[in-house]
Amino acid sequence: MLVDGKMTSVGGYFIFLNQVKTGGEVIFPQQGIKIRPTVGSVLFFEITKSTYHSFCPVVGSTLWVALRPVHESKDFCVDEDEWL
């Protein structure tokens, strides 16, 4: 999404890097969705006013997650023949 001509995040994804025994679920409260993390899985979400999310506490270990935002830019490809 472009705001005032600047690139902003339109989505993101979590990559779950380890397995936990208890807790660590991702919650999207406005949708009533709870997702249990599994090592190696990826969760993509679009950023909207209704996709606020949080994580449940992890009990007895640590949850490792990589977050990667997805951006939109109006100047992604400048030349039409750039990929030829």
N, C-alpha and C. Protein backbone atom coordinates (compact mmCIF):
# COMPACT_ATOMS: atom_id res chain seq x y z
N MET A 1 0.85 -1.17 0.00
CA MET A 1 0.00 0.00 0.00
C MET A 1 0.90 1.24 0.00
N LEU A 2 0.55 2.24 -0.78
CA LEU A 2 1.30 3.49 -0.81
C LEU A 2 0.56 4.54 0.00
N VAL A 3 1.26 5.16 0.91
CA VAL A 3 0.71 6.24 1.71
C VAL A 3 1.60 7.45 1.49
N ASP A 4 1.03 8.51 0.94
CA ASP A 4 1.79 9.71 0.62
C ASP A 4 3.00 9.41 -0.26
N GLY A 5 2.83 8.47 -1.21
CA GLY A 5 3.90 8.13 -2.14
C GLY A 5 4.98 7.25 -1.55
N LYS A 6 4.83 6.78 -0.31
CA LYS A 6 5.85 5.95 0.33
C LYS A 6 5.37 4.51 0.41
N MET A 7 6.33 3.58 0.37
CA MET A 7 6.02 2.17 0.44
C MET A 7 5.64 1.78 1.86
N THR A 8 4.58 1.02 2.02
CA THR A 8 4.17 0.53 3.33
C THR A 8 3.90 -0.97 3.24
N SER A 9 3.79 -1.61 4.38
CA SER A 9 3.52 -3.04 4.41
C SER A 9 2.07 -3.31 4.07
N VAL A 10 1.85 -4.31 3.22
CA VAL A 10 0.50 -4.74 2.89
C VAL A 10 0.19 -6.09 3.52
N GLY A 11 1.20 -6.72 4.02
CA GLY A 11 1.03 -8.02 4.65
C GLY A 11 2.32 -8.43 5.32
N GLY A 12 2.32 -9.63 5.79
CA GLY A 12 3.52 -10.14 6.42
C GLY A 12 3.40 -11.64 6.58
N TYR A 13 4.51 -12.27 6.92
CA TYR A 13 4.42 -13.68 7.24
C TYR A 13 5.37 -14.04 8.35
N PHE A 14 4.92 -14.98 9.17
CA PHE A 14 5.71 -15.54 10.25
C PHE A 14 6.26 -16.88 9.79
N ILE A 15 7.52 -17.13 10.09
CA ILE A 15 8.13 -18.43 9.87
C ILE A 15 8.46 -18.97 11.25
N PHE A 16 7.87 -20.11 11.59
CA PHE A 16 8.07 -20.69 12.92
C PHE A 16 9.32 -21.55 12.91
N LEU A 17 10.31 -21.19 13.73
CA LEU A 17 11.64 -21.78 13.67
C LEU A 17 11.86 -22.91 14.66
N ASN A 18 10.98 -23.08 15.63
CA ASN A 18 11.11 -24.19 16.57
C ASN A 18 9.74 -24.63 17.04
N GLN A 19 9.70 -25.73 17.77
CA GLN A 19 8.46 -26.29 18.28
C GLN A 19 8.39 -26.04 19.79
N VAL A 20 7.23 -25.67 20.28
CA VAL A 20 7.02 -25.51 21.72
C VAL A 20 5.95 -26.50 22.16
N LYS A 21 6.02 -26.93 23.43
CA LYS A 21 5.04 -27.89 23.94
C LYS A 21 3.73 -27.22 24.31
N THR A 22 3.82 -26.04 24.94
CA THR A 22 2.62 -25.37 25.43
C THR A 22 2.66 -23.90 25.09
N GLY A 23 1.55 -23.37 24.53
CA GLY A 23 1.43 -21.95 24.24
C GLY A 23 2.02 -21.58 22.89
N GLY A 24 2.16 -20.27 22.68
CA GLY A 24 2.75 -19.75 21.46
C GLY A 24 1.80 -19.59 20.30
N GLU A 25 0.51 -19.87 20.50
CA GLU A 25 -0.45 -19.73 19.41
C GLU A 25 -0.56 -18.27 18.98
N VAL A 26 -0.80 -18.07 17.68
CA VAL A 26 -1.06 -16.73 17.15
C VAL A 26 -2.57 -16.54 17.18
N ILE A 27 -3.01 -15.41 17.73
CA ILE A 27 -4.44 -15.14 17.85
C ILE A 27 -4.79 -13.92 17.01
N PHE A 28 -5.83 -14.06 16.21
CA PHE A 28 -6.46 -12.96 15.50
C PHE A 28 -7.83 -12.78 16.15
N PRO A 29 -7.92 -11.94 17.20
CA PRO A 29 -9.14 -11.89 18.02
C PRO A 29 -10.40 -11.44 17.27
N GLN A 30 -10.29 -10.54 16.33
CA GLN A 30 -11.48 -10.06 15.64
C GLN A 30 -12.07 -11.12 14.72
N GLN A 31 -11.27 -12.08 14.29
CA GLN A 31 -11.77 -13.17 13.46
C GLN A 31 -12.08 -14.42 14.28
N GLY A 32 -11.65 -14.43 15.55
CA GLY A 32 -11.84 -15.61 16.37
C GLY A 32 -10.95 -16.77 15.95
N ILE A 33 -9.75 -16.46 15.45
CA ILE A 33 -8.84 -17.50 14.94
C ILE A 33 -7.66 -17.65 15.88
N LYS A 34 -7.31 -18.91 16.19
CA LYS A 34 -6.13 -19.24 16.98
C LYS A 34 -5.35 -20.30 16.21
N ILE A 35 -4.06 -20.03 15.93
CA ILE A 35 -3.25 -20.92 15.11
C ILE A 35 -2.06 -21.41 15.93
N ARG A 36 -1.94 -22.73 16.03
CA ARG A 36 -0.83 -23.34 16.78
C ARG A 36 0.40 -23.40 15.88
N PRO A 37 1.54 -22.90 16.37
CA PRO A 37 2.76 -22.92 15.55
C PRO A 37 3.32 -24.34 15.42
N THR A 38 3.82 -24.64 14.22
CA THR A 38 4.50 -25.90 13.95
C THR A 38 5.82 -25.56 13.29
N VAL A 39 6.90 -26.18 13.76
CA VAL A 39 8.23 -25.86 13.24
C VAL A 39 8.25 -26.00 11.71
N GLY A 40 8.79 -24.99 11.04
CA GLY A 40 8.91 -24.98 9.59
C GLY A 40 7.69 -24.46 8.85
N SER A 41 6.59 -24.19 9.56
CA SER A 41 5.40 -23.68 8.88
C SER A 41 5.48 -22.17 8.71
N VAL A 42 4.69 -21.67 7.76
CA VAL A 42 4.65 -20.25 7.46
C VAL A 42 3.20 -19.78 7.54
N LEU A 43 2.99 -18.64 8.17
CA LEU A 43 1.66 -18.06 8.28
C LEU A 43 1.68 -16.69 7.61
N PHE A 44 0.93 -16.54 6.51
CA PHE A 44 0.82 -15.26 5.82
C PHE A 44 -0.46 -14.57 6.26
N PHE A 45 -0.38 -13.24 6.42
CA PHE A 45 -1.57 -12.47 6.74
C PHE A 45 -1.51 -11.12 6.05
N GLU A 46 -2.67 -10.64 5.64
CA GLU A 46 -2.80 -9.32 5.04
C GLU A 46 -2.99 -8.32 6.17
N ILE A 47 -2.39 -7.14 6.04
CA ILE A 47 -2.52 -6.13 7.09
C ILE A 47 -3.75 -5.28 6.79
N THR A 48 -4.74 -5.40 7.67
CA THR A 48 -5.95 -4.58 7.61
C THR A 48 -6.29 -4.18 9.04
N LYS A 49 -7.32 -3.37 9.18
CA LYS A 49 -7.73 -2.97 10.53
C LYS A 49 -8.23 -4.14 11.35
N SER A 50 -8.65 -5.22 10.67
CA SER A 50 -9.20 -6.35 11.40
C SER A 50 -8.22 -7.51 11.56
N THR A 51 -6.94 -7.32 11.20
CA THR A 51 -5.97 -8.42 11.35
C THR A 51 -4.95 -8.15 12.44
N TYR A 52 -5.34 -7.37 13.45
CA TYR A 52 -4.46 -7.23 14.60
C TYR A 52 -4.28 -8.62 15.20
N HIS A 53 -3.09 -8.91 15.69
CA HIS A 53 -2.80 -10.24 16.20
C HIS A 53 -1.90 -10.16 17.42
N SER A 54 -1.83 -11.25 18.14
CA SER A 54 -0.92 -11.36 19.27
C SER A 54 -0.56 -12.83 19.44
N PHE A 55 0.39 -13.09 20.33
CA PHE A 55 0.83 -14.45 20.63
C PHE A 55 0.43 -14.82 22.05
N CYS A 56 0.01 -16.06 22.23
CA CYS A 56 -0.24 -16.58 23.59
C CYS A 56 1.11 -16.79 24.27
N PRO A 57 1.15 -16.68 25.59
CA PRO A 57 2.41 -16.93 26.30
C PRO A 57 2.90 -18.37 26.06
N VAL A 58 4.21 -18.52 26.02
CA VAL A 58 4.84 -19.84 25.89
C VAL A 58 5.25 -20.30 27.29
N VAL A 59 4.94 -21.55 27.62
CA VAL A 59 5.24 -22.09 28.95
C VAL A 59 6.39 -23.07 28.84
N GLY A 60 7.45 -22.84 29.61
CA GLY A 60 8.55 -23.80 29.72
C GLY A 60 9.58 -23.78 28.61
N SER A 61 9.47 -22.90 27.65
CA SER A 61 10.46 -22.81 26.58
C SER A 61 10.36 -21.45 25.91
N THR A 62 10.97 -21.31 24.76
CA THR A 62 10.97 -20.06 24.00
C THR A 62 10.51 -20.33 22.58
N LEU A 63 9.67 -19.46 22.04
CA LEU A 63 9.22 -19.58 20.65
C LEU A 63 10.08 -18.65 19.79
N TRP A 64 10.69 -19.23 18.77
CA TRP A 64 11.49 -18.45 17.83
C TRP A 64 10.69 -18.29 16.53
N VAL A 65 10.48 -17.02 16.13
CA VAL A 65 9.70 -16.70 14.96
C VAL A 65 10.44 -15.65 14.13
N ALA A 66 10.50 -15.85 12.82
CA ALA A 66 11.01 -14.82 11.92
C ALA A 66 9.81 -14.11 11.30
N LEU A 67 9.86 -12.80 11.26
CA LEU A 67 8.78 -12.01 10.66
C LEU A 67 9.32 -11.32 9.42
N ARG A 68 8.59 -11.44 8.33
CA ARG A 68 8.97 -10.77 7.09
C ARG A 68 7.80 -9.95 6.59
N PRO A 69 7.94 -8.63 6.53
CA PRO A 69 6.86 -7.81 5.97
C PRO A 69 6.82 -7.95 4.45
N VAL A 70 5.64 -7.75 3.87
CA VAL A 70 5.46 -7.75 2.43
C VAL A 70 5.08 -6.33 2.04
N HIS A 71 5.86 -5.73 1.14
CA HIS A 71 5.67 -4.34 0.75
C HIS A 71 5.09 -4.23 -0.66
N GLU A 72 4.48 -3.11 -0.90
CA GLU A 72 3.99 -2.78 -2.24
C GLU A 72 4.65 -1.47 -2.63
N SER A 73 5.14 -1.41 -3.85
CA SER A 73 5.80 -0.21 -4.32
C SER A 73 5.34 0.11 -5.73
N LYS A 74 5.09 1.37 -5.99
CA LYS A 74 4.65 1.75 -7.33
C LYS A 74 5.79 1.70 -8.34
N ASP A 75 7.05 1.69 -7.89
CA ASP A 75 8.20 1.70 -8.78
C ASP A 75 8.91 0.35 -8.82
N PHE A 76 8.15 -0.75 -8.71
CA PHE A 76 8.78 -2.07 -8.66
C PHE A 76 9.57 -2.37 -9.93
N CYS A 77 8.94 -2.22 -11.07
CA CYS A 77 9.62 -2.42 -12.36
C CYS A 77 9.59 -1.11 -13.13
N VAL A 78 10.74 -0.54 -13.38
CA VAL A 78 10.81 0.75 -14.04
C VAL A 78 10.70 0.59 -15.55
N ASP A 79 11.50 -0.30 -16.12
CA ASP A 79 11.51 -0.51 -17.57
C ASP A 79 10.67 -1.73 -17.91
N GLU A 80 9.86 -1.61 -18.98
CA GLU A 80 9.04 -2.74 -19.38
C GLU A 80 9.87 -3.93 -19.81
N ASP A 81 11.06 -3.69 -20.39
CA ASP A 81 11.89 -4.80 -20.87
C ASP A 81 12.97 -5.19 -19.84
N GLU A 82 12.79 -4.81 -18.61
CA GLU A 82 13.79 -5.09 -17.56
C GLU A 82 14.03 -6.58 -17.40
N TRP A 83 13.02 -7.42 -17.61
CA TRP A 83 13.14 -8.85 -17.36
C TRP A 83 13.47 -9.65 -18.63
N LEU A 84 13.72 -8.98 -19.75
CA LEU A 84 14.02 -9.68 -20.99
C LEU A 84 15.47 -10.03 -21.09
